[in-house]
Amino acid sequence: MPQTLTAMNIVRQADSAKVKQISIAELNHSFLNKSDSTNHQGKVVEISGTVSSFEMTNEQLYIVTIKDNESQAVCIFDSSIAPEVGEGRTIAHGATLTIQGQCFGSGLFSSTPFTLDGCRVTQ
């Protein structure tokens, strides 16, 4: 959770005009090819996709998985987005979102090679 709080501050302070828009597939490729992952590790990026799942963790964090074609990304939000989560709201199954977050490489047994932490919905 401390990483999420730190990442949230970094994402909020990022100049949206300078945040790189990148596809989920490009990020997946970058983190799977370890030599490229340093290009995005710790950087704030913006991705777009369709919500395929969302859940709340025991630490009161929201994990939102978005998909773009066959690529998916795990986005971590703090509990302040609770009013936006659920059917008929901003973050619902099938909703198309644009999200900014800070990139981190995932662990060995993770379903995706990276996560975005401290996320915020921009569209």
Protein backbone atom coordinates (compact mmCIF):
# COMPACT_ATOMS: atom_id res chain seq x y z
CA MET A 1 0.00 0.00 0.00
CA PRO A 2 2.83 2.53 0.62
CA GLN A 3 3.88 2.03 -3.01
CA THR A 4 0.34 2.87 -4.15
CA LEU A 5 0.28 6.07 -2.06
CA THR A 6 3.67 7.16 -3.40
CA ALA A 7 2.65 6.29 -6.97
CA MET A 8 -0.61 8.25 -6.56
CA ASN A 9 1.33 11.39 -5.64
CA ILE A 10 3.68 10.91 -8.60
CA VAL A 11 0.77 10.36 -11.02
CA ARG A 12 -1.14 13.39 -9.69
CA GLN A 13 1.93 15.61 -10.04
CA ALA A 14 2.75 14.41 -13.57
CA ASP A 15 2.20 16.93 -16.34
CA SER A 16 -0.56 15.27 -18.41
CA ALA A 17 0.80 16.93 -21.56
CA LYS A 18 4.10 15.06 -21.07
CA VAL A 19 2.69 11.67 -20.05
CA LYS A 20 3.44 9.14 -22.78
CA GLN A 21 0.45 7.41 -24.35
CA ILE A 22 1.36 3.81 -25.04
CA SER A 23 -0.48 0.64 -25.97
CA ILE A 24 -0.84 -2.20 -23.49
CA ALA A 25 0.81 -4.50 -26.07
CA GLU A 26 3.88 -2.22 -26.25
CA LEU A 27 4.20 -2.20 -22.46
CA ASN A 28 3.81 -5.99 -22.28
CA HIS A 29 6.52 -6.41 -24.91
CA SER A 30 8.78 -3.94 -23.12
CA PHE A 31 8.52 -5.72 -19.75
CA LEU A 32 8.77 -9.22 -21.26
CA ASN A 33 11.96 -8.15 -23.06
CA LYS A 34 13.88 -7.31 -19.88
CA SER A 35 16.39 -5.10 -21.67
CA ASP A 36 13.56 -2.71 -22.66
CA SER A 37 11.75 -2.63 -19.31
CA THR A 38 13.98 0.12 -17.94
CA ASN A 39 12.42 2.45 -20.54
CA HIS A 40 9.13 2.37 -18.62
CA GLN A 41 9.96 1.17 -15.08
CA GLY A 42 8.81 3.87 -12.64
CA LYS A 43 7.48 6.12 -15.43
CA VAL A 44 3.95 7.53 -15.57
CA VAL A 45 2.17 6.38 -18.74
CA GLU A 46 -1.32 6.52 -20.19
CA ILE A 47 -3.08 3.46 -21.57
CA SER A 48 -6.55 2.78 -22.95
CA GLY A 49 -8.66 -0.34 -22.95
CA THR A 50 -11.88 -2.04 -21.96
CA VAL A 51 -12.59 -3.12 -18.39
CA SER A 52 -12.56 -6.92 -18.17
CA SER A 53 -12.62 -7.24 -14.35
CA PHE A 54 -12.37 -5.32 -11.09
CA GLU A 55 -12.05 -6.29 -7.44
CA MET A 56 -11.24 -4.82 -4.05
CA THR A 57 -8.32 -6.23 -2.06
CA ASN A 58 -8.06 -6.73 1.70
CA GLU A 59 -5.89 -3.59 1.76
CA GLN A 60 -8.83 -1.52 0.38
CA LEU A 61 -7.19 -1.17 -3.03
CA TYR A 62 -9.06 -1.62 -6.29
CA ILE A 63 -7.53 -3.86 -8.94
CA VAL A 64 -8.95 -3.06 -12.38
CA THR A 65 -7.94 -5.18 -15.37
CA ILE A 66 -8.30 -3.56 -18.77
CA LYS A 67 -7.86 -5.23 -22.13
CA ASP A 68 -6.84 -3.99 -25.54
CA ASN A 69 -7.16 -6.71 -28.17
CA GLU A 70 -5.31 -9.70 -26.65
CA SER A 71 -3.19 -7.63 -24.22
CA GLN A 72 -4.24 -6.82 -20.69
CA ALA A 73 -3.03 -4.54 -17.93
CA VAL A 74 -3.56 -4.58 -14.19
CA CYS A 75 -4.25 -1.11 -12.77
CA ILE A 76 -4.16 -0.41 -9.04
CA PHE A 77 -6.30 2.36 -7.53
CA ASP A 78 -6.78 3.49 -3.95
CA SER A 79 -10.21 3.38 -2.29
CA SER A 80 -11.10 6.94 -3.36
CA ILE A 81 -12.48 5.50 -6.62
CA ALA A 82 -15.08 3.38 -4.80
CA PRO A 83 -18.02 5.58 -5.94
CA GLU A 84 -16.93 5.10 -9.59
CA VAL A 85 -16.77 1.27 -9.47
CA GLY A 86 -19.69 -0.98 -10.40
CA GLU A 87 -22.24 -1.59 -13.09
CA GLY A 88 -23.68 1.64 -14.48
CA ARG A 89 -20.69 3.66 -13.24
CA THR A 90 -17.39 4.81 -14.79
CA ILE A 91 -15.51 1.57 -13.99
CA ALA A 92 -17.84 -1.23 -15.10
CA HIS A 93 -17.47 -4.38 -17.20
CA GLY A 94 -17.06 -3.41 -20.84
CA ALA A 95 -16.41 0.29 -20.17
CA THR A 96 -13.64 1.87 -22.24
CA LEU A 97 -11.20 3.83 -20.08
CA THR A 98 -8.06 5.87 -20.42
CA ILE A 99 -5.90 5.48 -17.33
CA GLN A 100 -2.68 7.08 -16.11
CA GLY A 101 -0.46 5.21 -13.68
CA GLN A 102 3.11 4.50 -12.69
CA CYS A 103 4.68 1.39 -14.31
CA PHE A 104 6.25 -1.38 -12.25
CA GLY A 105 7.47 -4.78 -13.36
CA SER A 106 5.35 -7.62 -11.96
CA GLY A 107 6.51 -10.60 -9.99
CA LEU A 108 7.46 -13.90 -11.55
CA PHE A 109 4.05 -15.53 -11.06
CA SER A 110 1.90 -12.58 -12.08
CA SER A 111 -0.57 -12.88 -14.95
CA THR A 112 0.84 -9.71 -16.57
CA PRO A 113 4.48 -8.56 -16.93
CA PHE A 114 3.74 -5.13 -15.44
CA THR A 115 1.23 -3.23 -13.29
CA LEU A 116 0.20 0.41 -13.23
CA ASP A 117 0.03 1.72 -9.69
CA GLY A 118 -1.45 4.90 -8.21
CA CYS A 119 -3.84 5.04 -11.14
CA ARG A 120 -6.40 7.64 -12.11
CA VAL A 121 -9.02 7.61 -14.83
CA THR A 122 -8.49 10.44 -17.31
CA GLN A 123 -11.38 9.64 -19.70
